[in-house]
Structures are given as structure tokens and as C-alpha cells.
Amino acid sequence: AAWDAAGAAETKWQTKRLFGYLKEGEECAKTV
């Protein structure tokens, strides 16, 4: 169960990072 929680947190972090990256890309696209 503890391992599952850690895995879920890791997945959440990666998703957050991915969305942040995509959002940054959008901002860059707007600037160009």
C-alpha cells in the first residue's frame, strides 16, 4: 500500500511536470 501511494505521488508529479512543460511550450509558441 505504501509503495502504491509512492507510485501515485510519482505519477502525479510527472503529470504535473508534463502539463507544466506543455504549458511552457504554448507560451513559447505564442511568443514566436
C-alpha atoms as a PDB file:
ATOM      1  CA  ALA A   1       0.000   0.000   0.000  1.00  0.00           C
ATOM      2  CA  ALA A   2       2.846   2.368   0.871  1.00  0.00           C
ATOM      3  CA  TRP A   3       4.503   1.508  -2.433  1.00  0.00           C
ATOM      4  CA  ASP A   4       1.243   2.238  -4.285  1.00  0.00           C
ATOM      5  CA  ALA A   5       0.974   5.625  -2.598  1.00  0.00           C
ATOM      6  CA  ALA A   6       4.541   6.457  -3.577  1.00  0.00           C
ATOM      7  CA  GLY A   7       3.847   5.352  -7.143  1.00  0.00           C
ATOM      8  CA  ALA A   8       0.709   7.502  -7.298  1.00  0.00           C
ATOM      9  CA  ALA A   9       2.598  10.527  -5.973  1.00  0.00           C
ATOM     10  CA  GLU A  10       5.348   9.964  -8.520  1.00  0.00           C
ATOM     11  CA  THR A  11       2.818   9.692 -11.343  1.00  0.00           C
ATOM     12  CA  LYS A  12       1.085  12.862 -10.161  1.00  0.00           C
ATOM     13  CA  TRP A  13       4.400  14.708 -10.097  1.00  0.00           C
ATOM     14  CA  GLN A  14       5.304  13.504 -13.600  1.00  0.00           C
ATOM     15  CA  THR A  15       1.877  14.520 -14.918  1.00  0.00           C
ATOM     16  CA  LYS A  16       2.195  17.926 -13.299  1.00  0.00           C
ATOM     17  CA  ARG A  17       5.643  18.315 -14.812  1.00  0.00           C
ATOM     18  CA  LEU A  18       4.375  17.239 -18.230  1.00  0.00           C
ATOM     19  CA  PHE A  19       1.498  19.713 -18.160  1.00  0.00           C
ATOM     20  CA  GLY A  20       3.859  22.443 -16.980  1.00  0.00           C
ATOM     21  CA  TYR A  21       6.150  21.598 -19.884  1.00  0.00           C
ATOM     22  CA  LEU A  22       3.274  21.690 -22.378  1.00  0.00           C
ATOM     23  CA  LYS A  23       2.068  24.991 -20.980  1.00  0.00           C
ATOM     24  CA  GLU A  24       5.581  26.425 -21.268  1.00  0.00           C
ATOM     25  CA  GLY A  25       5.701  25.218 -24.863  1.00  0.00           C
ATOM     26  CA  GLU A  26       2.432  27.020 -25.569  1.00  0.00           C
ATOM     27  CA  GLU A  27       3.820  30.233 -24.118  1.00  0.00           C
ATOM     28  CA  CYS A  28       6.924  29.863 -26.298  1.00  0.00           C
ATOM     29  CA  ALA A  29       4.749  29.244 -29.350  1.00  0.00           C
ATOM     30  CA  LYS A  30       2.779  32.427 -28.633  1.00  0.00           C
ATOM     31  CA  THR A  31       5.978  34.455 -28.360  1.00  0.00           C
ATOM     32  CA  VAL A  32       7.390  33.236 -31.666  1.00  0.00           C
END
